[in-house]
């Protein structure tokens, strides 16, 4: 099994920045891609960004494109989400997830393992 642990969330003013980390561990960790999703109270979980382990090709939701950057450190089995120019609408619990085989990267149902999430709150 794979364990994912998110960290780096917190409270920040609008326009500020945060960097989230997702550390993956397991006896034999391997996956095709990692993704970040977020969920606000009363709303469905939405795609934020994803990255392929091999090559590092990245994908972003339109709502965060140009503000967020996803990156990975293969040696550390860690994925990062650098969030700049944060807006109040970015407030949510952010989750990382792993996808074992090539499937739709923007769909939550295509991911296999999930972390417990980290809260990001952006105040105006």
PDB file of N, CA and C in Angstrom:
ATOM      1  N   UNK A   1       0.827  -1.178   0.000  1.00  0.00           N
ATOM      2  CA  UNK A   1       0.000   0.000   0.000  1.00  0.00           C
ATOM      3  C   UNK A   1       0.874   1.246   0.000  1.00  0.00           C
ATOM      4  N   UNK A   2       0.267   2.345  -0.413  1.00  0.00           N
ATOM      5  CA  UNK A   2       0.960   3.618  -0.488  1.00  0.00           C
ATOM      6  C   UNK A   2       0.357   4.581   0.528  1.00  0.00           C
ATOM      7  N   UNK A   3       1.219   5.267   1.237  1.00  0.00           N
ATOM      8  CA  UNK A   3       0.781   6.282   2.181  1.00  0.00           C
ATOM      9  C   UNK A   3       1.193   7.654   1.669  1.00  0.00           C
ATOM     10  N   UNK A   4       0.265   8.583   1.674  1.00  0.00           N
ATOM     11  CA  UNK A   4       0.517   9.941   1.222  1.00  0.00           C
ATOM     12  C   UNK A   4       0.248  10.902   2.363  1.00  0.00           C
ATOM     13  N   UNK A   5       1.183  11.805   2.593  1.00  0.00           N
ATOM     14  CA  UNK A   5       1.053  12.767   3.673  1.00  0.00           C
ATOM     15  C   UNK A   5       1.274  14.167   3.133  1.00  0.00           C
ATOM     16  N   UNK A   6       0.242  14.997   3.219  1.00  0.00           N
ATOM     17  CA  UNK A   6       0.341  16.378   2.781  1.00  0.00           C
ATOM     18  C   UNK A   6       0.790  17.269   3.933  1.00  0.00           C
ATOM     19  N   UNK A   7       1.455  18.347   3.587  1.00  0.00           N
ATOM     20  CA  UNK A   7       1.863  19.326   4.578  1.00  0.00           C
ATOM     21  C   UNK A   7       2.037  20.673   3.894  1.00  0.00           C
ATOM     22  N   UNK A   8       2.124  21.722   4.689  1.00  0.00           N
ATOM     23  CA  UNK A   8       2.381  23.046   4.156  1.00  0.00           C
ATOM     24  C   UNK A   8       1.187  23.975   4.122  1.00  0.00           C
ATOM     25  N   UNK A   9       0.014  23.477   4.470  1.00  0.00           N
ATOM     26  CA  UNK A   9      -1.156  24.331   4.477  1.00  0.00           C
ATOM     27  C   UNK A   9      -1.114  25.326   5.618  1.00  0.00           C
ATOM     28  N   UNK A  10      -2.018  26.287   5.566  1.00  0.00           N
ATOM     29  CA  UNK A  10      -2.076  27.293   6.604  1.00  0.00           C
ATOM     30  C   UNK A  10      -2.943  28.455   6.200  1.00  0.00           C
ATOM     31  N   UNK A  11      -2.813  29.523   6.957  1.00  0.00           N
ATOM     32  CA  UNK A  11      -3.576  30.747   6.726  1.00  0.00           C
ATOM     33  C   UNK A  11      -2.678  31.781   6.066  1.00  0.00           C
ATOM     34  N   UNK A  12      -3.174  32.378   5.005  1.00  0.00           N
ATOM     35  CA  UNK A  12      -2.394  33.368   4.277  1.00  0.00           C
ATOM     36  C   UNK A  12      -3.315  34.465   3.758  1.00  0.00           C
ATOM     37  N   UNK A  13      -2.786  35.663   3.633  1.00  0.00           N
ATOM     38  CA  UNK A  13      -3.553  36.764   3.073  1.00  0.00           C
ATOM     39  C   UNK A  13      -3.645  36.647   1.562  1.00  0.00           C
ATOM     40  N   UNK A  14      -4.700  37.191   1.008  1.00  0.00           N
ATOM     41  CA  UNK A  14      -4.839  37.209  -0.444  1.00  0.00           C
ATOM     42  C   UNK A  14      -3.606  37.842  -1.075  1.00  0.00           C
ATOM     43  N   UNK A  15      -3.135  37.211  -2.139  1.00  0.00           N
ATOM     44  CA  UNK A  15      -1.929  37.674  -2.795  1.00  0.00           C
ATOM     45  C   UNK A  15      -0.669  36.999  -2.302  1.00  0.00           C
ATOM     46  N   UNK A  16      -0.781  36.265  -1.217  1.00  0.00           N
ATOM     47  CA  UNK A  16       0.357  35.580  -0.644  1.00  0.00           C
ATOM     48  C   UNK A  16       0.627  34.251  -1.305  1.00  0.00           C
ATOM     49  N   UNK A  17       1.579  33.523  -0.737  1.00  0.00           N
ATOM     50  CA  UNK A  17       2.015  32.255  -1.311  1.00  0.00           C
ATOM     51  C   UNK A  17       2.121  31.166  -0.259  1.00  0.00           C
ATOM     52  N   UNK A  18       1.951  29.948  -0.696  1.00  0.00           N
ATOM     53  CA  UNK A  18       2.162  28.767   0.125  1.00  0.00           C
ATOM     54  C   UNK A  18       2.744  27.675  -0.757  1.00  0.00           C
ATOM     55  N   UNK A  19       3.495  26.786  -0.155  1.00  0.00           N
ATOM     56  CA  UNK A  19       3.989  25.619  -0.861  1.00  0.00           C
ATOM     57  C   UNK A  19       3.540  24.371  -0.133  1.00  0.00           C
ATOM     58  N   UNK A  20       2.800  23.540  -0.823  1.00  0.00           N
ATOM     59  CA  UNK A  20       2.341  22.288  -0.268  1.00  0.00           C
ATOM     60  C   UNK A  20       3.282  21.160  -0.674  1.00  0.00           C
ATOM     61  N   UNK A  21       3.429  20.201   0.211  1.00  0.00           N
ATOM     62  CA  UNK A  21       4.248  19.038  -0.070  1.00  0.00           C
ATOM     63  C   UNK A  21       3.418  17.780   0.115  1.00  0.00           C
ATOM     64  N   UNK A  22       3.723  16.780  -0.663  1.00  0.00           N
ATOM     65  CA  UNK A  22       3.073  15.485  -0.550  1.00  0.00           C
ATOM     66  C   UNK A  22       4.147  14.419  -0.598  1.00  0.00           C
ATOM     67  N   UNK A  23       4.358  13.770   0.520  1.00  0.00           N
ATOM     68  CA  UNK A  23       5.361  12.723   0.612  1.00  0.00           C
ATOM     69  C   UNK A  23       4.702  11.363   0.479  1.00  0.00           C
ATOM     70  N   UNK A  24       5.199  10.573  -0.447  1.00  0.00           N
ATOM     71  CA  UNK A  24       4.678   9.234  -0.683  1.00  0.00           C
ATOM     72  C   UNK A  24       5.631   8.197  -0.125  1.00  0.00           C
ATOM     73  N   UNK A  25       5.079   7.188   0.483  1.00  0.00           N
ATOM     74  CA  UNK A  25       5.905   6.123   1.030  1.00  0.00           C
ATOM     75  C   UNK A  25       5.213   4.781   0.857  1.00  0.00           C
ATOM     76  N   UNK A  26       6.011   3.746   0.860  1.00  0.00           N
ATOM     77  CA  UNK A  26       5.519   2.399   0.710  1.00  0.00           C
ATOM     78  C   UNK A  26       6.681   1.470   0.484  1.00  0.00           C
ATOM     79  N   UNK A  27       6.434   0.199   0.649  1.00  0.00           N
ATOM     80  CA  UNK A  27       7.512  -0.762   0.478  1.00  0.00           C
ATOM     81  C   UNK A  27       8.104  -0.689  -0.921  1.00  0.00           C
ATOM     82  N   UNK A  28       7.246  -0.557  -1.897  1.00  0.00           N
ATOM     83  CA  UNK A  28       7.676  -0.382  -3.282  1.00  0.00           C
ATOM     84  C   UNK A  28       6.787   0.671  -3.928  1.00  0.00           C
ATOM     85  N   UNK A  29       7.168   1.914  -3.732  1.00  0.00           N
ATOM     86  CA  UNK A  29       6.367   2.981  -4.293  1.00  0.00           C
ATOM     87  C   UNK A  29       6.621   3.114  -5.782  1.00  0.00           C
ATOM     88  N   UNK A  30       5.566   3.134  -6.525  1.00  0.00           N
ATOM     89  CA  UNK A  30       5.638   3.377  -7.954  1.00  0.00           C
ATOM     90  C   UNK A  30       4.273   3.828  -8.437  1.00  0.00           C
ATOM     91  N   UNK A  31       4.282   4.786  -9.303  1.00  0.00           N
ATOM     92  CA  UNK A  31       3.044   5.294  -9.861  1.00  0.00           C
ATOM     93  C   UNK A  31       3.326   5.991 -11.177  1.00  0.00           C
ATOM     94  N   UNK A  32       2.286   6.222 -11.915  1.00  0.00           N
ATOM     95  CA  UNK A  32       2.395   6.894 -13.196  1.00  0.00           C
ATOM     96  C   UNK A  32       2.394   8.410 -13.018  1.00  0.00           C
ATOM     97  N   UNK A  33       1.554   8.887 -12.106  1.00  0.00           N
ATOM     98  CA  UNK A  33       1.434  10.320 -11.916  1.00  0.00           C
ATOM     99  C   UNK A  33       0.923  10.640 -10.520  1.00  0.00           C
ATOM    100  N   UNK A  34       1.106  11.897 -10.141  1.00  0.00           N
ATOM    101  CA  UNK A  34       0.570  12.405  -8.886  1.00  0.00           C
ATOM    102  C   UNK A  34      -0.293  13.615  -9.192  1.00  0.00           C
ATOM    103  N   UNK A  35      -1.333  13.778  -8.417  1.00  0.00           N
ATOM    104  CA  UNK A  35      -2.223  14.899  -8.632  1.00  0.00           C
ATOM    105  C   UNK A  35      -2.565  15.630  -7.349  1.00  0.00           C
ATOM    106  N   UNK A  36      -2.957  16.870  -7.504  1.00  0.00           N
ATOM    107  CA  UNK A  36      -3.480  17.677  -6.408  1.00  0.00           C
ATOM    108  C   UNK A  36      -4.937  18.007  -6.694  1.00  0.00           C
ATOM    109  N   UNK A  37      -5.764  17.807  -5.698  1.00  0.00           N
ATOM    110  CA  UNK A  37      -7.173  18.153  -5.763  1.00  0.00           C
ATOM    111  C   UNK A  37      -7.521  18.996  -4.549  1.00  0.00           C
ATOM    112  N   UNK A  38      -8.625  19.698  -4.626  1.00  0.00           N
ATOM    113  CA  UNK A  38      -9.069  20.482  -3.484  1.00  0.00           C
ATOM    114  C   UNK A  38     -10.575  20.378  -3.333  1.00  0.00           C
ATOM    115  N   UNK A  39     -11.022  20.579  -2.104  1.00  0.00           N
ATOM    116  CA  UNK A  39     -12.440  20.487  -1.819  1.00  0.00           C
ATOM    117  C   UNK A  39     -12.823  21.495  -0.740  1.00  0.00           C
ATOM    118  N   UNK A  40     -13.759  22.352  -1.072  1.00  0.00           N
ATOM    119  CA  UNK A  40     -14.296  23.315  -0.131  1.00  0.00           C
ATOM    120  C   UNK A  40     -15.584  22.755   0.456  1.00  0.00           C
ATOM    121  N   UNK A  41     -15.993  23.210   1.641  1.00  0.00           N
ATOM    122  CA  UNK A  41     -17.218  22.708   2.263  1.00  0.00           C
ATOM    123  C   UNK A  41     -18.423  22.851   1.346  1.00  0.00           C
ATOM    124  N   UNK A  42     -19.171  21.770   1.187  1.00  0.00           N
ATOM    125  CA  UNK A  42     -20.359  21.792   0.366  1.00  0.00           C
ATOM    126  C   UNK A  42     -20.116  21.707  -1.124  1.00  0.00           C
ATOM    127  N   UNK A  43     -18.870  21.571  -1.529  1.00  0.00           N
ATOM    128  CA  UNK A  43     -18.542  21.499  -2.940  1.00  0.00           C
ATOM    129  C   UNK A  43     -17.856  20.177  -3.260  1.00  0.00           C
ATOM    130  N   UNK A  44     -17.891  19.811  -4.528  1.00  0.00           N
ATOM    131  CA  UNK A  44     -17.252  18.585  -4.958  1.00  0.00           C
ATOM    132  C   UNK A  44     -15.748  18.780  -5.060  1.00  0.00           C
ATOM    133  N   UNK A  45     -15.048  17.681  -4.936  1.00  0.00           N
ATOM    134  CA  UNK A  45     -13.606  17.724  -5.079  1.00  0.00           C
ATOM    135  C   UNK A  45     -13.244  18.083  -6.520  1.00  0.00           C
ATOM    136  N   UNK A  46     -12.346  19.039  -6.680  1.00  0.00           N
ATOM    137  CA  UNK A  46     -11.977  19.486  -8.007  1.00  0.00           C
ATOM    138  C   UNK A  46     -10.486  19.340  -8.267  1.00  0.00           C
ATOM    139  N   UNK A  47     -10.180  19.125  -9.511  1.00  0.00           N
ATOM    140  CA  UNK A  47      -8.806  18.969  -9.953  1.00  0.00           C
ATOM    141  C   UNK A  47      -8.063  20.282  -9.873  1.00  0.00           C
ATOM    142  N   UNK A  48      -6.820  20.227  -9.438  1.00  0.00           N
ATOM    143  CA  UNK A  48      -5.967  21.411  -9.363  1.00  0.00           C
ATOM    144  C   UNK A  48      -4.794  21.284 -10.316  1.00  0.00           C
ATOM    145  N   UNK A  49      -4.017  20.225 -10.152  1.00  0.00           N
ATOM    146  CA  UNK A  49      -2.836  20.025 -10.983  1.00  0.00           C
ATOM    147  C   UNK A  49      -2.402  18.575 -10.905  1.00  0.00           C
ATOM    148  N   UNK A  50      -1.641  18.133 -11.895  1.00  0.00           N
ATOM    149  CA  UNK A  50      -1.095  16.784 -11.906  1.00  0.00           C
ATOM    150  C   UNK A  50       0.241  16.796 -12.615  1.00  0.00           C
ATOM    151  N   UNK A  51       1.051  15.809 -12.311  1.00  0.00           N
ATOM    152  CA  UNK A  51       2.360  15.708 -12.927  1.00  0.00           C
ATOM    153  C   UNK A  51       2.728  14.245 -13.120  1.00  0.00           C
ATOM    154  N   UNK A  52       3.327  13.946 -14.244  1.00  0.00           N
ATOM    155  CA  UNK A  52       3.811  12.607 -14.514  1.00  0.00           C
ATOM    156  C   UNK A  52       5.186  12.428 -13.883  1.00  0.00           C
ATOM    157  N   UNK A  53       5.408  11.287 -13.259  1.00  0.00           N
ATOM    158  CA  UNK A  53       6.700  11.042 -12.634  1.00  0.00           C
ATOM    159  C   UNK A  53       7.827  11.021 -13.657  1.00  0.00           C
ATOM    160  N   UNK A  54       7.586  10.376 -14.764  1.00  0.00           N
ATOM    161  CA  UNK A  54       8.590  10.303 -15.817  1.00  0.00           C
ATOM    162  C   UNK A  54       8.418  11.469 -16.774  1.00  0.00           C
ATOM    163  N   UNK A  55       9.424  12.323 -16.821  1.00  0.00           N
ATOM    164  CA  UNK A  55       9.387  13.460 -17.724  1.00  0.00           C
ATOM    165  C   UNK A  55       8.868  14.736 -17.094  1.00  0.00           C
ATOM    166  N   UNK A  56       7.984  14.612 -16.118  1.00  0.00           N
ATOM    167  CA  UNK A  56       7.496  15.780 -15.406  1.00  0.00           C
ATOM    168  C   UNK A  56       6.480  16.627 -16.144  1.00  0.00           C
ATOM    169  N   UNK A  57       5.809  16.077 -17.140  1.00  0.00           N
ATOM    170  CA  UNK A  57       4.771  16.831 -17.825  1.00  0.00           C
ATOM    171  C   UNK A  57       3.674  17.204 -16.841  1.00  0.00           C
ATOM    172  N   UNK A  58       3.304  18.468 -16.828  1.00  0.00           N
ATOM    173  CA  UNK A  58       2.353  18.980 -15.851  1.00  0.00           C
ATOM    174  C   UNK A  58       1.058  19.439 -16.498  1.00  0.00           C
ATOM    175  N   UNK A  59      -0.008  19.391 -15.726  1.00  0.00           N
ATOM    176  CA  UNK A  59      -1.330  19.795 -16.172  1.00  0.00           C
ATOM    177  C   UNK A  59      -1.983  20.615 -15.079  1.00  0.00           C
ATOM    178  N   UNK A  60      -2.753  21.623 -15.474  1.00  0.00           N
ATOM    179  CA  UNK A  60      -3.359  22.525 -14.504  1.00  0.00           C
ATOM    180  C   UNK A  60      -4.812  22.817 -14.830  1.00  0.00           C
ATOM    181  N   UNK A  61      -5.582  23.029 -13.784  1.00  0.00           N
ATOM    182  CA  UNK A  61      -6.927  23.531 -13.969  1.00  0.00           C
ATOM    183  C   UNK A  61      -6.845  24.985 -14.414  1.00  0.00           C
ATOM    184  N   UNK A  62      -7.807  25.414 -15.200  1.00  0.00           N
ATOM    185  CA  UNK A  62      -7.808  26.789 -15.692  1.00  0.00           C
ATOM    186  C   UNK A  62      -7.809  27.804 -14.549  1.00  0.00           C
ATOM    187  N   UNK A  63      -8.441  27.458 -13.452  1.00  0.00           N
ATOM    188  CA  UNK A  63      -8.577  28.378 -12.336  1.00  0.00           C
ATOM    189  C   UNK A  63      -7.257  28.688 -11.639  1.00  0.00           C
ATOM    190  N   UNK A  64      -6.262  27.832 -11.818  1.00  0.00           N
ATOM    191  CA  UNK A  64      -4.981  28.039 -11.140  1.00  0.00           C
ATOM    192  C   UNK A  64      -3.832  28.240 -12.106  1.00  0.00           C
ATOM    193  N   UNK A  65      -4.077  28.083 -13.369  1.00  0.00           N
ATOM    194  CA  UNK A  65      -3.025  28.212 -14.370  1.00  0.00           C
ATOM    195  C   UNK A  65      -2.385  29.595 -14.305  1.00  0.00           C
ATOM    196  N   UNK A  66      -1.071  29.614 -14.279  1.00  0.00           N
ATOM    197  CA  UNK A  66      -0.342  30.860 -14.188  1.00  0.00           C
ATOM    198  C   UNK A  66      -0.042  31.287 -12.772  1.00  0.00           C
ATOM    199  N   UNK A  67      -0.697  30.675 -11.800  1.00  0.00           N
ATOM    200  CA  UNK A  67      -0.485  31.004 -10.393  1.00  0.00           C
ATOM    201  C   UNK A  67       0.142  29.851  -9.615  1.00  0.00           C
ATOM    202  N   UNK A  68      -0.237  28.631  -9.949  1.00  0.00           N
ATOM    203  CA  UNK A  68       0.258  27.449  -9.252  1.00  0.00           C
ATOM    204  C   UNK A  68       1.264  26.716 -10.121  1.00  0.00           C
ATOM    205  N   UNK A  69       2.219  26.081  -9.477  1.00  0.00           N
ATOM    206  CA  UNK A  69       3.206  25.271 -10.169  1.00  0.00           C
ATOM    207  C   UNK A  69       3.377  23.951  -9.437  1.00  0.00           C
ATOM    208  N   UNK A  70       3.261  22.851 -10.160  1.00  0.00           N
ATOM    209  CA  UNK A  70       3.463  21.538  -9.580  1.00  0.00           C
ATOM    210  C   UNK A  70       4.848  21.038  -9.975  1.00  0.00           C
ATOM    211  N   UNK A  71       5.506  20.376  -9.049  1.00  0.00           N
ATOM    212  CA  UNK A  71       6.830  19.837  -9.306  1.00  0.00           C
ATOM    213  C   UNK A  71       6.998  18.537  -8.534  1.00  0.00           C
ATOM    214  N   UNK A  72       7.973  17.757  -8.937  1.00  0.00           N
ATOM    215  CA  UNK A  72       8.212  16.503  -8.227  1.00  0.00           C
ATOM    216  C   UNK A  72       9.698  16.249  -8.046  1.00  0.00           C
ATOM    217  N   UNK A  73      10.011  15.542  -6.992  1.00  0.00           N
ATOM    218  CA  UNK A  73      11.361  15.099  -6.707  1.00  0.00           C
ATOM    219  C   UNK A  73      11.309  13.581  -6.686  1.00  0.00           C
ATOM    220  N   UNK A  74      11.727  12.962  -7.767  1.00  0.00           N
ATOM    221  CA  UNK A  74      11.626  11.516  -7.890  1.00  0.00           C
ATOM    222  C   UNK A  74      12.410  10.779  -6.803  1.00  0.00           C
ATOM    223  N   UNK A  75      13.571  11.297  -6.471  1.00  0.00           N
ATOM    224  CA  UNK A  75      14.404  10.645  -5.471  1.00  0.00           C
ATOM    225  C   UNK A  75      13.754  10.643  -4.096  1.00  0.00           C
ATOM    226  N   UNK A  76      12.989  11.679  -3.797  1.00  0.00           N
ATOM    227  CA  UNK A  76      12.349  11.800  -2.492  1.00  0.00           C
ATOM    228  C   UNK A  76      10.900  11.328  -2.485  1.00  0.00           C
ATOM    229  N   UNK A  77      10.408  10.906  -3.638  1.00  0.00           N
ATOM    230  CA  UNK A  77       9.007  10.498  -3.756  1.00  0.00           C
ATOM    231  C   UNK A  77       8.075  11.578  -3.209  1.00  0.00           C
ATOM    232  N   UNK A  78       8.365  12.798  -3.586  1.00  0.00           N
ATOM    233  CA  UNK A  78       7.625  13.936  -3.071  1.00  0.00           C
ATOM    234  C   UNK A  78       7.162  14.831  -4.210  1.00  0.00           C
ATOM    235  N   UNK A  79       5.944  15.312  -4.087  1.00  0.00           N
ATOM    236  CA  UNK A  79       5.372  16.246  -5.049  1.00  0.00           C
ATOM    237  C   UNK A  79       5.047  17.539  -4.328  1.00  0.00           C
ATOM    238  N   UNK A  80       5.280  18.645  -5.002  1.00  0.00           N
ATOM    239  CA  UNK A  80       5.057  19.957  -4.424  1.00  0.00           C
ATOM    240  C   UNK A  80       4.028  20.734  -5.229  1.00  0.00           C
ATOM    241  N   UNK A  81       3.352  21.628  -4.558  1.00  0.00           N
ATOM    242  CA  UNK A  81       2.449  22.549  -5.217  1.00  0.00           C
ATOM    243  C   UNK A  81       2.767  23.944  -4.713  1.00  0.00           C
ATOM    244  N   UNK A  82       3.425  24.725  -5.550  1.00  0.00           N
ATOM    245  CA  UNK A  82       3.727  26.105  -5.218  1.00  0.00           C
ATOM    246  C   UNK A  82       2.539  26.960  -5.620  1.00  0.00           C
ATOM    247  N   UNK A  83       1.963  27.645  -4.664  1.00  0.00           N
ATOM    248  CA  UNK A  83       0.770  28.442  -4.898  1.00  0.00           C
ATOM    249  C   UNK A  83       1.094  29.916  -4.675  1.00  0.00           C
ATOM    250  N   UNK A  84       1.013  30.685  -5.729  1.00  0.00           N
ATOM    251  CA  UNK A  84       1.269  32.115  -5.671  1.00  0.00           C
ATOM    252  C   UNK A  84      -0.002  32.895  -5.988  1.00  0.00           C
ATOM    253  N   UNK A  85       0.017  34.165  -5.643  1.00  0.00           N
ATOM    254  CA  UNK A  85      -1.129  35.043  -5.910  1.00  0.00           C
ATOM    255  C   UNK A  85      -2.430  34.409  -5.444  1.00  0.00           C
ATOM    256  N   UNK A  86      -2.423  33.923  -4.239  1.00  0.00           N
ATOM    257  CA  UNK A  86      -3.581  33.212  -3.714  1.00  0.00           C
ATOM    258  C   UNK A  86      -4.792  34.121  -3.579  1.00  0.00           C
ATOM    259  N   UNK A  87      -5.943  33.525  -3.827  1.00  0.00           N
ATOM    260  CA  UNK A  87      -7.214  34.223  -3.762  1.00  0.00           C
ATOM    261  C   UNK A  87      -8.108  33.558  -2.725  1.00  0.00           C
ATOM    262  N   UNK A  88      -9.074  34.284  -2.175  1.00  0.00           N
ATOM    263  CA  UNK A  88      -9.989  33.666  -1.210  1.00  0.00           C
ATOM    264  C   UNK A  88     -10.682  32.420  -1.764  1.00  0.00           C
ATOM    265  N   UNK A  89     -10.959  32.388  -3.051  1.00  0.00           N
ATOM    266  CA  UNK A  89     -11.607  31.234  -3.641  1.00  0.00           C
ATOM    267  C   UNK A  89     -10.712  30.002  -3.715  1.00  0.00           C
ATOM    268  N   UNK A  90      -9.439  30.156  -3.386  1.00  0.00           N
ATOM    269  CA  UNK A  90      -8.539  29.014  -3.308  1.00  0.00           C
ATOM    270  C   UNK A  90      -8.676  28.282  -1.982  1.00  0.00           C
ATOM    271  N   UNK A  91      -9.423  28.846  -1.056  1.00  0.00           N
ATOM    272  CA  UNK A  91      -9.608  28.231   0.250  1.00  0.00           C
ATOM    273  C   UNK A  91     -10.271  26.867   0.117  1.00  0.00           C
ATOM    274  N   UNK A  92      -9.625  25.854   0.646  1.00  0.00           N
ATOM    275  CA  UNK A  92     -10.124  24.485   0.555  1.00  0.00           C
ATOM    276  C   UNK A  92      -9.165  23.564   1.281  1.00  0.00           C
ATOM    277  N   UNK A  93      -9.579  22.322   1.432  1.00  0.00           N
ATOM    278  CA  UNK A  93      -8.666  21.281   1.857  1.00  0.00           C
ATOM    279  C   UNK A  93      -8.016  20.725   0.602  1.00  0.00           C
ATOM    280  N   UNK A  94      -6.711  20.690   0.597  1.00  0.00           N
ATOM    281  CA  UNK A  94      -5.969  20.214  -0.559  1.00  0.00           C
ATOM    282  C   UNK A  94      -5.485  18.794  -0.325  1.00  0.00           C
ATOM    283  N   UNK A  95      -5.736  17.933  -1.289  1.00  0.00           N
ATOM    284  CA  UNK A  95      -5.371  16.537  -1.211  1.00  0.00           C
ATOM    285  C   UNK A  95      -4.408  16.170  -2.336  1.00  0.00           C
ATOM    286  N   UNK A  96      -3.477  15.307  -2.042  1.00  0.00           N
ATOM    287  CA  UNK A  96      -2.668  14.727  -3.096  1.00  0.00           C
ATOM    288  C   UNK A  96      -3.101  13.289  -3.307  1.00  0.00           C
ATOM    289  N   UNK A  97      -2.862  12.789  -4.501  1.00  0.00           N
ATOM    290  CA  UNK A  97      -3.277  11.447  -4.854  1.00  0.00           C
ATOM    291  C   UNK A  97      -2.315  10.862  -5.870  1.00  0.00           C
ATOM    292  N   UNK A  98      -2.265   9.556  -5.913  1.00  0.00           N
ATOM    293  CA  UNK A  98      -1.382   8.872  -6.847  1.00  0.00           C
ATOM    294  C   UNK A  98      -2.193   8.038  -7.826  1.00  0.00           C
ATOM    295  N   UNK A  99      -1.704   7.973  -9.043  1.00  0.00           N
ATOM    296  CA  UNK A  99      -2.332   7.192 -10.096  1.00  0.00           C
ATOM    297  C   UNK A  99      -1.333   6.144 -10.566  1.00  0.00           C
ATOM    298  N   UNK A 100      -1.727   4.889 -10.479  1.00  0.00           N
ATOM    299  CA  UNK A 100      -0.805   3.801 -10.771  1.00  0.00           C
ATOM    300  C   UNK A 100      -0.576   3.575 -12.260  1.00  0.00           C
ATOM    301  N   UNK A 101      -1.607   3.736 -13.055  1.00  0.00           N
ATOM    302  CA  UNK A 101      -1.525   3.475 -14.488  1.00  0.00           C
ATOM    303  C   UNK A 101      -2.055   4.671 -15.251  1.00  0.00           C
ATOM    304  N   UNK A 102      -1.676   4.798 -16.526  1.00  0.00           N
ATOM    305  CA  UNK A 102      -2.123   5.948 -17.323  1.00  0.00           C
ATOM    306  C   UNK A 102      -3.641   5.997 -17.474  1.00  0.00           C
ATOM    307  N   UNK A 103      -4.238   7.019 -16.907  1.00  0.00           N
ATOM    308  CA  UNK A 103      -5.660   7.273 -17.017  1.00  0.00           C
ATOM    309  C   UNK A 103      -5.876   8.773 -17.025  1.00  0.00           C
ATOM    310  N   UNK A 104      -7.117   9.201 -17.033  1.00  0.00           N
ATOM    311  CA  UNK A 104      -7.407  10.625 -17.041  1.00  0.00           C
ATOM    312  C   UNK A 104      -6.884  11.321 -15.805  1.00  0.00           C
ATOM    313  N   UNK A 105      -5.955  12.253 -15.991  1.00  0.00           N
ATOM    314  CA  UNK A 105      -5.301  12.892 -14.857  1.00  0.00           C
ATOM    315  C   UNK A 105      -6.175  13.925 -14.154  1.00  0.00           C
ATOM    316  N   UNK A 106      -7.197  14.410 -14.817  1.00  0.00           N
ATOM    317  CA  UNK A 106      -8.038  15.432 -14.228  1.00  0.00           C
ATOM    318  C   UNK A 106      -9.265  14.915 -13.498  1.00  0.00           C
ATOM    319  N   UNK A 107      -9.391  13.604 -13.398  1.00  0.00           N
ATOM    320  CA  UNK A 107     -10.564  13.006 -12.775  1.00  0.00           C
ATOM    321  C   UNK A 107     -10.180  12.295 -11.481  1.00  0.00           C
ATOM    322  N   UNK A 108     -10.821  12.665 -10.403  1.00  0.00           N
ATOM    323  CA  UNK A 108     -10.502  12.103  -9.100  1.00  0.00           C
ATOM    324  C   UNK A 108     -10.709  10.597  -9.048  1.00  0.00           C
ATOM    325  N   UNK A 109     -11.714  10.111  -9.763  1.00  0.00           N
ATOM    326  CA  UNK A 109     -12.013   8.684  -9.720  1.00  0.00           C
ATOM    327  C   UNK A 109     -10.943   7.826 -10.366  1.00  0.00           C
ATOM    328  N   UNK A 110     -10.013   8.438 -11.078  1.00  0.00           N
ATOM    329  CA  UNK A 110      -8.947   7.696 -11.737  1.00  0.00           C
ATOM    330  C   UNK A 110      -7.714   7.536 -10.855  1.00  0.00           C
ATOM    331  N   UNK A 111      -7.758   8.063  -9.656  1.00  0.00           N
ATOM    332  CA  UNK A 111      -6.636   7.969  -8.730  1.00  0.00           C
ATOM    333  C   UNK A 111      -6.861   6.858  -7.715  1.00  0.00           C
ATOM    334  N   UNK A 112      -5.771   6.315  -7.214  1.00  0.00           N
ATOM    335  CA  UNK A 112      -5.828   5.106  -6.406  1.00  0.00           C
ATOM    336  C   UNK A 112      -5.681   5.335  -4.905  1.00  0.00           C
ATOM    337  N   UNK A 113      -4.766   6.178  -4.511  1.00  0.00           N
ATOM    338  CA  UNK A 113      -4.507   6.430  -3.099  1.00  0.00           C
ATOM    339  C   UNK A 113      -4.550   7.914  -2.813  1.00  0.00           C
ATOM    340  N   UNK A 114      -5.031   8.255  -1.630  1.00  0.00           N
ATOM    341  CA  UNK A 114      -5.209   9.649  -1.249  1.00  0.00           C
ATOM    342  C   UNK A 114      -4.621   9.945   0.116  1.00  0.00           C
ATOM    343  N   UNK A 115      -4.139  11.172   0.265  1.00  0.00           N
ATOM    344  CA  UNK A 115      -3.706  11.629   1.561  1.00  0.00           C
ATOM    345  C   UNK A 115      -4.883  12.154   2.356  1.00  0.00           C
ATOM    346  N   UNK A 116      -4.618  12.603   3.574  1.00  0.00           N
ATOM    347  CA  UNK A 116      -5.674  13.096   4.447  1.00  0.00           C
ATOM    348  C   UNK A 116      -6.005  14.560   4.231  1.00  0.00           C
ATOM    349  N   UNK A 117      -5.179  15.261   3.495  1.00  0.00           N
ATOM    350  CA  UNK A 117      -5.450  16.638   3.159  1.00  0.00           C
ATOM    351  C   UNK A 117      -4.786  17.639   4.085  1.00  0.00           C
ATOM    352  N   UNK A 118      -4.617  18.840   3.587  1.00  0.00           N
ATOM    353  CA  UNK A 118      -4.086  19.940   4.373  1.00  0.00           C
ATOM    354  C   UNK A 118      -4.903  21.187   4.067  1.00  0.00           C
ATOM    355  N   UNK A 119      -5.277  21.901   5.111  1.00  0.00           N
ATOM    356  CA  UNK A 119      -6.157  23.051   4.964  1.00  0.00           C
ATOM    357  C   UNK A 119      -5.401  24.273   4.479  1.00  0.00           C
ATOM    358  N   UNK A 120      -5.949  24.914   3.463  1.00  0.00           N
ATOM    359  CA  UNK A 120      -5.436  26.184   2.970  1.00  0.00           C
ATOM    360  C   UNK A 120      -6.547  27.212   3.109  1.00  0.00           C
ATOM    361  N   UNK A 121      -6.274  28.271   3.837  1.00  0.00           N
ATOM    362  CA  UNK A 121      -7.253  29.328   4.033  1.00  0.00           C
ATOM    363  C   UNK A 121      -6.655  30.650   3.584  1.00  0.00           C
ATOM    364  N   UNK A 122      -7.332  31.310   2.665  1.00  0.00           N
ATOM    365  CA  UNK A 122      -6.877  32.585   2.133  1.00  0.00           C
ATOM    366  C   UNK A 122      -7.869  33.658   2.542  1.00  0.00           C
ATOM    367  N   UNK A 123      -7.416  34.625   3.287  1.00  0.00           N
ATOM    368  CA  UNK A 123      -8.283  35.690   3.769  1.00  0.00           C
ATOM    369  C   UNK A 123      -8.121  36.938   2.916  1.00  0.00           C
ATOM    370  N   UNK A 124      -9.195  37.692   2.807  1.00  0.00           N
ATOM    371  CA  UNK A 124      -9.179  38.914   2.017  1.00  0.00           C
ATOM    372  C   UNK A 124      -8.737  40.105   2.840  1.00  0.00           C
TER     373      UNK A 124
END
